[in-house]
N, C-alpha and C. Protein backbone atom coordinates (compact mmCIF):
# COMPACT_ATOMS: atom_id res chain seq x y z
N MET A 1 -67.84 -21.75 13.14
CA MET A 1 -67.02 -22.01 11.97
C MET A 1 -66.23 -20.76 11.62
N HIS A 2 -64.93 -20.88 11.54
CA HIS A 2 -64.06 -19.76 11.23
C HIS A 2 -63.75 -19.74 9.74
N PRO A 3 -63.76 -18.56 9.15
CA PRO A 3 -63.45 -18.48 7.72
C PRO A 3 -61.98 -18.85 7.47
N THR A 4 -61.73 -19.48 6.34
CA THR A 4 -60.36 -19.88 5.99
C THR A 4 -59.71 -18.88 5.05
N ASP A 5 -60.52 -18.13 4.34
CA ASP A 5 -59.99 -17.13 3.41
C ASP A 5 -59.42 -15.95 4.21
N PRO A 6 -58.16 -15.55 3.96
CA PRO A 6 -57.56 -14.45 4.73
C PRO A 6 -58.33 -13.14 4.61
N LEU A 7 -58.84 -12.85 3.43
CA LEU A 7 -59.60 -11.61 3.24
C LEU A 7 -60.90 -11.65 4.04
N GLU A 8 -61.57 -12.79 4.04
CA GLU A 8 -62.80 -12.94 4.80
C GLU A 8 -62.53 -12.85 6.30
N ARG A 9 -61.43 -13.44 6.75
CA ARG A 9 -61.07 -13.34 8.18
C ARG A 9 -60.83 -11.89 8.57
N ALA A 10 -60.12 -11.15 7.71
CA ALA A 10 -59.85 -9.74 8.01
C ALA A 10 -61.15 -8.94 8.07
N LEU A 11 -62.06 -9.24 7.15
CA LEU A 11 -63.34 -8.53 7.13
C LEU A 11 -64.15 -8.83 8.39
N VAL A 12 -64.19 -10.09 8.79
CA VAL A 12 -64.92 -10.48 9.99
C VAL A 12 -64.31 -9.82 11.22
N ARG A 13 -62.99 -9.84 11.30
CA ARG A 13 -62.29 -9.22 12.44
C ARG A 13 -62.56 -7.71 12.47
N SER A 14 -62.54 -7.08 11.31
CA SER A 14 -62.79 -5.64 11.24
C SER A 14 -64.22 -5.31 11.66
N THR A 15 -65.17 -6.13 11.22
CA THR A 15 -66.57 -5.91 11.58
C THR A 15 -66.79 -6.06 13.07
N CYS A 16 -66.17 -7.06 13.67
CA CYS A 16 -66.29 -7.26 15.12
C CYS A 16 -65.68 -6.09 15.87
N SER A 17 -64.55 -5.62 15.39
CA SER A 17 -63.87 -4.49 16.02
C SER A 17 -64.72 -3.23 15.93
N GLU A 18 -65.35 -3.02 14.78
CA GLU A 18 -66.19 -1.84 14.59
C GLU A 18 -67.41 -1.90 15.51
N ALA A 19 -68.01 -3.06 15.66
CA ALA A 19 -69.16 -3.21 16.55
C ALA A 19 -68.76 -2.91 17.99
N TYR A 20 -67.58 -3.36 18.38
CA TYR A 20 -67.08 -3.10 19.73
C TYR A 20 -66.91 -1.59 19.94
N LEU A 21 -66.33 -0.91 18.96
CA LEU A 21 -66.14 0.54 19.08
C LEU A 21 -67.47 1.28 19.10
N ASP A 22 -68.45 0.78 18.35
CA ASP A 22 -69.78 1.40 18.39
C ASP A 22 -70.39 1.31 19.79
N ASP A 23 -70.21 0.17 20.44
CA ASP A 23 -70.72 0.00 21.80
C ASP A 23 -70.03 0.96 22.77
N ILE A 24 -68.72 1.11 22.64
CA ILE A 24 -67.98 2.03 23.51
C ILE A 24 -68.43 3.46 23.26
N THR A 25 -68.59 3.83 22.00
CA THR A 25 -69.03 5.18 21.65
C THR A 25 -70.41 5.46 22.22
N ALA A 26 -71.31 4.51 22.12
CA ALA A 26 -72.67 4.69 22.66
C ALA A 26 -72.61 4.90 24.17
N GLY A 27 -71.71 4.20 24.84
CA GLY A 27 -71.55 4.38 26.28
C GLY A 27 -71.06 5.78 26.63
N TYR A 28 -70.08 6.28 25.86
CA TYR A 28 -69.57 7.62 26.10
C TYR A 28 -70.64 8.68 25.84
N VAL A 29 -71.42 8.50 24.78
CA VAL A 29 -72.49 9.46 24.47
C VAL A 29 -73.50 9.49 25.61
N LYS A 30 -73.88 8.33 26.12
CA LYS A 30 -74.82 8.27 27.23
C LYS A 30 -74.25 8.95 28.47
N MET A 31 -72.95 8.72 28.72
CA MET A 31 -72.31 9.32 29.88
C MET A 31 -72.27 10.85 29.74
N LEU A 32 -71.95 11.35 28.56
CA LEU A 32 -71.91 12.79 28.35
C LEU A 32 -73.29 13.42 28.47
N ASP A 33 -74.32 12.74 27.93
CA ASP A 33 -75.69 13.25 28.07
C ASP A 33 -76.08 13.34 29.53
N THR A 34 -75.73 12.33 30.30
CA THR A 34 -76.04 12.32 31.72
C THR A 34 -75.31 13.44 32.45
N SER A 35 -74.05 13.65 32.11
CA SER A 35 -73.29 14.70 32.80
C SER A 35 -73.85 16.09 32.49
N VAL A 36 -74.37 16.29 31.30
CA VAL A 36 -74.99 17.57 30.96
C VAL A 36 -76.23 17.79 31.82
N GLN A 37 -77.03 16.74 31.98
CA GLN A 37 -78.23 16.85 32.82
C GLN A 37 -77.86 17.13 34.27
N VAL A 38 -76.84 16.47 34.77
CA VAL A 38 -76.40 16.68 36.15
C VAL A 38 -75.89 18.11 36.32
N ASN A 39 -75.12 18.60 35.36
CA ASN A 39 -74.62 19.97 35.44
C ASN A 39 -75.76 20.97 35.47
N LYS A 40 -76.81 20.73 34.67
CA LYS A 40 -77.96 21.63 34.68
C LYS A 40 -78.63 21.63 36.04
N LEU A 41 -78.75 20.45 36.65
CA LEU A 41 -79.36 20.38 37.99
C LEU A 41 -78.52 21.12 39.02
N VAL A 42 -77.20 20.97 38.95
CA VAL A 42 -76.31 21.65 39.89
C VAL A 42 -76.42 23.16 39.73
N VAL A 43 -76.42 23.63 38.51
CA VAL A 43 -76.52 25.07 38.27
C VAL A 43 -77.86 25.58 38.78
N HIS A 44 -78.92 24.85 38.52
CA HIS A 44 -80.25 25.27 38.99
C HIS A 44 -80.28 25.32 40.52
N GLU A 45 -79.71 24.31 41.16
CA GLU A 45 -79.70 24.26 42.64
C GLU A 45 -78.88 25.43 43.20
N GLU A 46 -77.73 25.70 42.60
CA GLU A 46 -76.90 26.82 43.08
C GLU A 46 -77.62 28.14 42.87
N TRP A 47 -78.31 28.29 41.76
CA TRP A 47 -79.05 29.52 41.49
C TRP A 47 -80.18 29.69 42.50
N THR A 48 -80.87 28.59 42.81
CA THR A 48 -81.96 28.64 43.78
C THR A 48 -81.42 29.02 45.16
N GLU A 49 -80.31 28.43 45.57
CA GLU A 49 -79.72 28.74 46.87
C GLU A 49 -79.29 30.20 46.94
N SER A 50 -78.67 30.71 45.88
CA SER A 50 -78.21 32.11 45.91
C SER A 50 -79.40 33.07 45.88
N SER A 51 -80.48 32.70 45.21
CA SER A 51 -81.68 33.55 45.20
C SER A 51 -82.31 33.59 46.59
N GLU A 52 -82.33 32.45 47.26
CA GLU A 52 -82.90 32.40 48.61
C GLU A 52 -82.05 33.20 49.59
N MET A 53 -80.74 33.14 49.45
CA MET A 53 -79.86 33.91 50.33
C MET A 53 -80.01 35.41 50.08
N ALA A 54 -80.20 35.78 48.82
CA ALA A 54 -80.36 37.20 48.50
C ALA A 54 -81.70 37.73 49.02
N ALA A 55 -82.69 36.88 49.10
CA ALA A 55 -84.01 37.29 49.59
C ALA A 55 -84.01 37.51 51.10
N LYS A 56 -83.07 36.91 51.81
CA LYS A 56 -83.03 37.05 53.29
C LYS A 56 -82.45 38.33 53.73
């Protein structure tokens, strides 16, 4: 059932739009958190490799 009142329709549309943006934002936050973890692993691996090369 769709609302007939213009103000109610605008509110419903705005709420749906906000929920959509929240989902997109949550996806970006998860992606950024993952990239930070990956960067830490890469830095650790590079540090380990350079330490091993220096020991030889």
